[in-house]
């Protein structure tokens, strides 16, 4: 019974967060695309890329991009798996696994981002 209540509360929140993360992704990816393809023709050269990765303003943008991409992907994967027979029977395991994978991928991305 408790799991059914958790599902009723979690799913609308997860759907709203999926929508919000999609909106932020649209803005951040558009900005990233604009900077790397329209501002400078040599924006993809090594020195320019490293310059963006070490700039605090760009680091904030890339952390947010990484956060929203990771969340959006794993929340979407979670929703897809929960729509299967397996997911319906093992909802708690699916939620836990996708939550842990989200944190692992996000953490690994942060390590990579700040290693420059």
N, C-alpha and C. Protein backbone atom coordinates (compact mmCIF):
# COMPACT_ATOMS: atom_id res chain seq x y z
N UNK A 1 0.82 -1.20 0.00
CA UNK A 1 0.00 0.00 0.00
C UNK A 1 0.86 1.26 0.00
N UNK A 2 1.93 1.24 0.79
CA UNK A 2 2.80 2.41 0.87
C UNK A 2 3.47 2.70 -0.47
N UNK A 3 3.86 1.64 -1.19
CA UNK A 3 4.50 1.81 -2.49
C UNK A 3 3.54 2.46 -3.49
N UNK A 4 2.26 2.12 -3.43
CA UNK A 4 1.26 2.70 -4.32
C UNK A 4 1.13 4.20 -4.04
N UNK A 5 1.14 4.58 -2.75
CA UNK A 5 1.06 6.00 -2.38
C UNK A 5 2.30 6.75 -2.87
N UNK A 6 3.47 6.14 -2.70
CA UNK A 6 4.72 6.76 -3.17
C UNK A 6 4.67 6.98 -4.68
N UNK A 7 4.15 6.00 -5.41
CA UNK A 7 4.08 6.12 -6.86
C UNK A 7 3.14 7.26 -7.26
N UNK A 8 1.99 7.39 -6.58
CA UNK A 8 1.06 8.47 -6.90
C UNK A 8 1.66 9.84 -6.64
N UNK A 9 2.50 9.94 -5.63
CA UNK A 9 3.13 11.23 -5.32
C UNK A 9 4.33 11.48 -6.21
N UNK A 10 5.14 10.44 -6.45
CA UNK A 10 6.38 10.60 -7.20
C UNK A 10 6.15 10.89 -8.68
N UNK A 11 5.21 10.22 -9.30
CA UNK A 11 5.06 10.35 -10.75
C UNK A 11 4.70 11.76 -11.22
N UNK A 12 3.75 12.46 -10.61
CA UNK A 12 3.50 13.84 -11.07
C UNK A 12 4.71 14.76 -10.86
N UNK A 13 5.41 14.56 -9.75
CA UNK A 13 6.61 15.37 -9.49
C UNK A 13 7.68 15.06 -10.53
N UNK A 14 7.89 13.77 -10.81
CA UNK A 14 8.89 13.37 -11.81
C UNK A 14 8.54 13.92 -13.18
N UNK A 15 7.24 13.92 -13.52
CA UNK A 15 6.82 14.45 -14.82
C UNK A 15 7.08 15.95 -14.89
N UNK A 16 6.77 16.68 -13.83
CA UNK A 16 7.00 18.13 -13.82
C UNK A 16 8.50 18.43 -13.90
N UNK A 17 9.31 17.68 -13.17
CA UNK A 17 10.76 17.89 -13.24
C UNK A 17 11.32 17.53 -14.61
N UNK A 18 10.72 16.55 -15.26
CA UNK A 18 11.13 16.19 -16.63
C UNK A 18 10.84 17.36 -17.57
N UNK A 19 9.69 17.95 -17.41
CA UNK A 19 9.31 19.10 -18.23
C UNK A 19 10.24 20.29 -17.98
N UNK A 20 10.50 20.59 -16.72
CA UNK A 20 11.38 21.71 -16.37
C UNK A 20 12.80 21.47 -16.88
N UNK A 21 13.30 20.24 -16.70
CA UNK A 21 14.66 19.96 -17.19
C UNK A 21 14.72 20.05 -18.71
N UNK A 22 13.66 19.67 -19.39
CA UNK A 22 13.62 19.80 -20.85
C UNK A 22 13.67 21.25 -21.30
N UNK A 23 12.97 22.12 -20.58
CA UNK A 23 12.99 23.55 -20.91
C UNK A 23 14.39 24.12 -20.70
N UNK A 24 15.00 23.80 -19.55
CA UNK A 24 16.36 24.28 -19.29
C UNK A 24 17.34 23.71 -20.32
N UNK A 25 17.18 22.46 -20.69
CA UNK A 25 18.05 21.86 -21.71
C UNK A 25 17.94 22.59 -23.04
N UNK A 26 16.73 22.95 -23.42
CA UNK A 26 16.54 23.68 -24.67
C UNK A 26 17.33 24.98 -24.65
N UNK A 27 17.24 25.71 -23.56
CA UNK A 27 17.96 27.00 -23.44
C UNK A 27 19.47 26.78 -23.42
N UNK A 28 19.94 25.86 -22.58
CA UNK A 28 21.38 25.65 -22.44
C UNK A 28 22.02 25.07 -23.70
N UNK A 29 21.36 24.13 -24.34
CA UNK A 29 21.92 23.54 -25.57
C UNK A 29 21.93 24.58 -26.68
N UNK A 30 20.89 25.39 -26.76
CA UNK A 30 20.85 26.46 -27.76
C UNK A 30 22.00 27.44 -27.55
N UNK A 31 22.22 27.84 -26.29
CA UNK A 31 23.32 28.75 -25.99
C UNK A 31 24.67 28.09 -26.32
N UNK A 32 24.84 26.85 -25.91
CA UNK A 32 26.08 26.12 -26.21
C UNK A 32 26.32 26.04 -27.72
N UNK A 33 25.28 25.70 -28.46
CA UNK A 33 25.39 25.61 -29.91
C UNK A 33 25.74 26.97 -30.52
N UNK A 34 25.10 28.03 -30.02
CA UNK A 34 25.36 29.38 -30.53
C UNK A 34 26.82 29.76 -30.29
N UNK A 35 27.32 29.53 -29.08
CA UNK A 35 28.70 29.91 -28.74
C UNK A 35 29.70 29.10 -29.55
N UNK A 36 29.48 27.82 -29.70
CA UNK A 36 30.48 26.97 -30.36
C UNK A 36 30.39 26.97 -31.88
N UNK A 37 29.30 27.50 -32.45
CA UNK A 37 29.17 27.44 -33.91
C UNK A 37 28.95 28.79 -34.59
N UNK A 38 28.53 29.79 -33.85
CA UNK A 38 28.23 31.07 -34.49
C UNK A 38 29.06 32.24 -33.99
N UNK A 39 29.52 32.23 -32.77
CA UNK A 39 30.26 33.36 -32.22
C UNK A 39 31.65 33.44 -32.85
N UNK A 40 32.36 32.32 -32.86
CA UNK A 40 33.69 32.27 -33.45
C UNK A 40 33.79 31.05 -34.34
N UNK A 41 34.48 31.20 -35.43
CA UNK A 41 34.64 30.06 -36.32
C UNK A 41 35.68 29.08 -35.81
N UNK A 42 36.53 29.53 -34.89
CA UNK A 42 37.55 28.64 -34.34
C UNK A 42 37.22 28.24 -32.89
N UNK A 43 35.95 28.23 -32.52
CA UNK A 43 35.54 27.94 -31.15
C UNK A 43 35.83 26.51 -30.72
N UNK A 44 36.04 25.62 -31.67
CA UNK A 44 36.29 24.23 -31.32
C UNK A 44 37.78 23.89 -31.27
N UNK A 45 38.63 24.91 -31.44
CA UNK A 45 40.07 24.67 -31.30
C UNK A 45 40.39 24.38 -29.84
N UNK A 46 41.42 23.59 -29.62
CA UNK A 46 41.77 23.12 -28.28
C UNK A 46 41.87 24.25 -27.26
N UNK A 47 42.62 25.30 -27.59
CA UNK A 47 42.81 26.40 -26.64
C UNK A 47 41.49 27.09 -26.29
N UNK A 48 40.60 27.23 -27.25
CA UNK A 48 39.30 27.86 -27.00
C UNK A 48 38.42 26.97 -26.10
N UNK A 49 38.45 25.68 -26.35
CA UNK A 49 37.66 24.75 -25.54
C UNK A 49 38.16 24.76 -24.10
N UNK A 50 39.46 24.67 -23.92
CA UNK A 50 40.04 24.69 -22.57
C UNK A 50 39.74 26.03 -21.90
N UNK A 51 39.78 27.10 -22.65
CA UNK A 51 39.44 28.42 -22.11
C UNK A 51 38.02 28.47 -21.58
N UNK A 52 37.10 27.88 -22.30
CA UNK A 52 35.70 27.84 -21.82
C UNK A 52 35.57 26.94 -20.60
N UNK A 53 36.26 25.80 -20.60
CA UNK A 53 36.16 24.88 -19.47
C UNK A 53 36.75 25.47 -18.18
N UNK A 54 37.68 26.40 -18.30
CA UNK A 54 38.30 26.98 -17.11
C UNK A 54 37.68 28.32 -16.72
N UNK A 55 36.79 28.85 -17.52
CA UNK A 55 36.09 30.10 -17.21
C UNK A 55 34.95 29.80 -16.22
N UNK A 56 34.91 30.48 -15.06
CA UNK A 56 33.88 30.17 -14.06
C UNK A 56 32.44 30.30 -14.57
N UNK A 57 32.16 31.26 -15.42
CA UNK A 57 30.80 31.42 -15.94
C UNK A 57 30.43 30.23 -16.82
N UNK A 58 31.33 29.80 -17.66
CA UNK A 58 31.07 28.63 -18.50
C UNK A 58 31.01 27.36 -17.66
N UNK A 59 31.82 27.28 -16.61
CA UNK A 59 31.77 26.11 -15.74
C UNK A 59 30.38 25.96 -15.12
N UNK A 60 29.80 27.07 -14.68
CA UNK A 60 28.44 27.02 -14.12
C UNK A 60 27.47 26.53 -15.19
N UNK A 61 27.60 27.07 -16.40
CA UNK A 61 26.71 26.64 -17.47
C UNK A 61 26.87 25.15 -17.77
N UNK A 62 28.11 24.67 -17.82
CA UNK A 62 28.34 23.26 -18.12
C UNK A 62 27.90 22.35 -16.98
N UNK A 63 28.03 22.80 -15.74
CA UNK A 63 27.52 22.02 -14.61
C UNK A 63 26.00 21.90 -14.71
N UNK A 64 25.33 23.02 -15.00
CA UNK A 64 23.87 22.98 -15.17
C UNK A 64 23.47 22.11 -16.34
N UNK A 65 24.19 22.21 -17.44
CA UNK A 65 23.91 21.38 -18.61
C UNK A 65 24.07 19.89 -18.26
N UNK A 66 25.16 19.57 -17.58
CA UNK A 66 25.40 18.19 -17.16
C UNK A 66 24.30 17.70 -16.21
N UNK A 67 23.92 18.54 -15.26
CA UNK A 67 22.87 18.19 -14.31
C UNK A 67 21.56 17.89 -15.01
N UNK A 68 21.14 18.81 -15.88
CA UNK A 68 19.85 18.65 -16.54
C UNK A 68 19.86 17.50 -17.56
N UNK A 69 20.96 17.31 -18.27
CA UNK A 69 21.04 16.19 -19.21
C UNK A 69 20.98 14.87 -18.46
N UNK A 70 21.76 14.76 -17.39
CA UNK A 70 21.79 13.52 -16.62
C UNK A 70 20.42 13.22 -16.02
N UNK A 71 19.82 14.23 -15.39
CA UNK A 71 18.51 14.01 -14.79
C UNK A 71 17.47 13.64 -15.84
N UNK A 72 17.43 14.40 -16.92
CA UNK A 72 16.43 14.18 -17.96
C UNK A 72 16.57 12.76 -18.55
N UNK A 73 17.79 12.35 -18.79
CA UNK A 73 18.03 11.03 -19.39
C UNK A 73 17.61 9.91 -18.43
N UNK A 74 18.06 9.98 -17.19
CA UNK A 74 17.77 8.88 -16.27
C UNK A 74 16.33 8.90 -15.77
N UNK A 75 15.72 10.05 -15.67
CA UNK A 75 14.30 10.09 -15.31
C UNK A 75 13.46 9.53 -16.47
N UNK A 76 13.85 9.84 -17.69
CA UNK A 76 13.15 9.29 -18.85
C UNK A 76 13.32 7.78 -18.94
N UNK A 77 14.53 7.30 -18.69
CA UNK A 77 14.79 5.86 -18.68
C UNK A 77 13.96 5.18 -17.59
N UNK A 78 13.90 5.80 -16.42
CA UNK A 78 13.11 5.28 -15.30
C UNK A 78 11.64 5.16 -15.69
N UNK A 79 11.12 6.18 -16.33
CA UNK A 79 9.71 6.17 -16.74
C UNK A 79 9.43 5.08 -17.77
N UNK A 80 10.36 4.89 -18.70
CA UNK A 80 10.19 3.85 -19.71
C UNK A 80 10.20 2.47 -19.07
N UNK A 81 11.16 2.24 -18.17
CA UNK A 81 11.24 0.93 -17.52
C UNK A 81 10.01 0.68 -16.65
N UNK A 82 9.52 1.71 -15.96
CA UNK A 82 8.34 1.54 -15.11
C UNK A 82 7.10 1.21 -15.93
N UNK A 83 7.09 1.54 -17.20
CA UNK A 83 5.96 1.21 -18.07
C UNK A 83 5.96 -0.25 -18.52
N UNK A 84 7.03 -0.98 -18.23
CA UNK A 84 7.09 -2.39 -18.60
C UNK A 84 6.54 -3.25 -17.45
N UNK A 85 6.28 -4.51 -17.73
CA UNK A 85 5.84 -5.44 -16.68
C UNK A 85 6.88 -5.57 -15.58
N UNK A 86 8.16 -5.68 -16.00
CA UNK A 86 9.24 -5.78 -15.02
C UNK A 86 9.25 -4.56 -14.12
N UNK A 87 9.19 -3.37 -14.72
CA UNK A 87 9.23 -2.14 -13.94
C UNK A 87 8.07 -1.99 -12.99
N UNK A 88 6.90 -2.41 -13.43
CA UNK A 88 5.72 -2.34 -12.57
C UNK A 88 5.88 -3.24 -11.34
N UNK A 89 6.52 -4.38 -11.52
CA UNK A 89 6.71 -5.31 -10.41
C UNK A 89 7.87 -4.92 -9.49
N UNK A 90 8.84 -4.18 -10.04
CA UNK A 90 10.05 -3.85 -9.29
C UNK A 90 10.30 -2.34 -9.27
N UNK A 91 9.27 -1.58 -9.01
CA UNK A 91 9.37 -0.11 -9.08
C UNK A 91 10.42 0.45 -8.14
N UNK A 92 10.47 -0.06 -6.93
CA UNK A 92 11.44 0.46 -5.96
C UNK A 92 12.87 0.22 -6.44
N UNK A 93 13.15 -0.95 -6.98
CA UNK A 93 14.48 -1.26 -7.48
C UNK A 93 14.82 -0.38 -8.69
N UNK A 94 13.85 -0.18 -9.57
CA UNK A 94 14.07 0.67 -10.75
C UNK A 94 14.36 2.10 -10.31
N UNK A 95 13.56 2.62 -9.39
CA UNK A 95 13.77 3.99 -8.90
C UNK A 95 15.14 4.13 -8.24
N UNK A 96 15.51 3.16 -7.41
CA UNK A 96 16.80 3.21 -6.73
C UNK A 96 17.95 3.13 -7.73
N UNK A 97 17.87 2.20 -8.66
CA UNK A 97 18.96 2.02 -9.63
C UNK A 97 19.14 3.26 -10.50
N UNK A 98 18.05 3.82 -11.01
CA UNK A 98 18.20 4.99 -11.88
C UNK A 98 18.67 6.21 -11.08
N UNK A 99 18.24 6.32 -9.83
CA UNK A 99 18.70 7.40 -8.96
C UNK A 99 20.21 7.30 -8.73
N UNK A 100 20.68 6.10 -8.42
CA UNK A 100 22.11 5.89 -8.18
C UNK A 100 22.93 6.10 -9.46
N UNK A 101 22.41 5.62 -10.58
CA UNK A 101 23.11 5.84 -11.86
C UNK A 101 23.18 7.32 -12.20
N UNK A 102 22.10 8.06 -11.95
CA UNK A 102 22.12 9.50 -12.18
C UNK A 102 23.24 10.15 -11.39
N UNK A 103 23.34 9.84 -10.09
CA UNK A 103 24.39 10.44 -9.27
C UNK A 103 25.78 10.01 -9.71
N UNK A 104 25.93 8.76 -10.10
CA UNK A 104 27.24 8.29 -10.56
C UNK A 104 27.67 9.01 -11.83
N UNK A 105 26.78 9.12 -12.80
CA UNK A 105 27.10 9.78 -14.07
C UNK A 105 27.35 11.28 -13.84
N UNK A 106 26.50 11.92 -13.05
CA UNK A 106 26.67 13.33 -12.77
C UNK A 106 28.00 13.57 -12.04
N UNK A 107 28.30 12.75 -11.06
CA UNK A 107 29.57 12.89 -10.33
C UNK A 107 30.77 12.68 -11.23
N UNK A 108 30.72 11.67 -12.09
CA UNK A 108 31.81 11.42 -13.02
C UNK A 108 31.97 12.59 -13.99
N UNK A 109 30.88 13.13 -14.46
CA UNK A 109 30.93 14.29 -15.34
C UNK A 109 31.56 15.49 -14.66
N UNK A 110 31.24 15.70 -13.38
CA UNK A 110 31.85 16.80 -12.64
C UNK A 110 33.36 16.61 -12.50
N UNK A 111 33.77 15.39 -12.22
CA UNK A 111 35.21 15.10 -12.12
C UNK A 111 35.89 15.44 -13.46
N UNK A 112 35.29 15.01 -14.55
CA UNK A 112 35.87 15.30 -15.87
C UNK A 112 35.90 16.80 -16.16
N UNK A 113 34.81 17.47 -15.86
CA UNK A 113 34.71 18.90 -16.14
C UNK A 113 35.77 19.70 -15.37
N UNK A 114 35.96 19.36 -14.11
CA UNK A 114 36.90 20.13 -13.28
C UNK A 114 38.31 19.59 -13.33
N UNK A 115 38.59 18.64 -14.21
CA UNK A 115 39.96 18.14 -14.34
C UNK A 115 40.78 18.96 -15.32
N UNK A 116 40.15 19.95 -15.96
CA UNK A 116 40.88 20.79 -16.92
C UNK A 116 41.55 21.94 -16.23
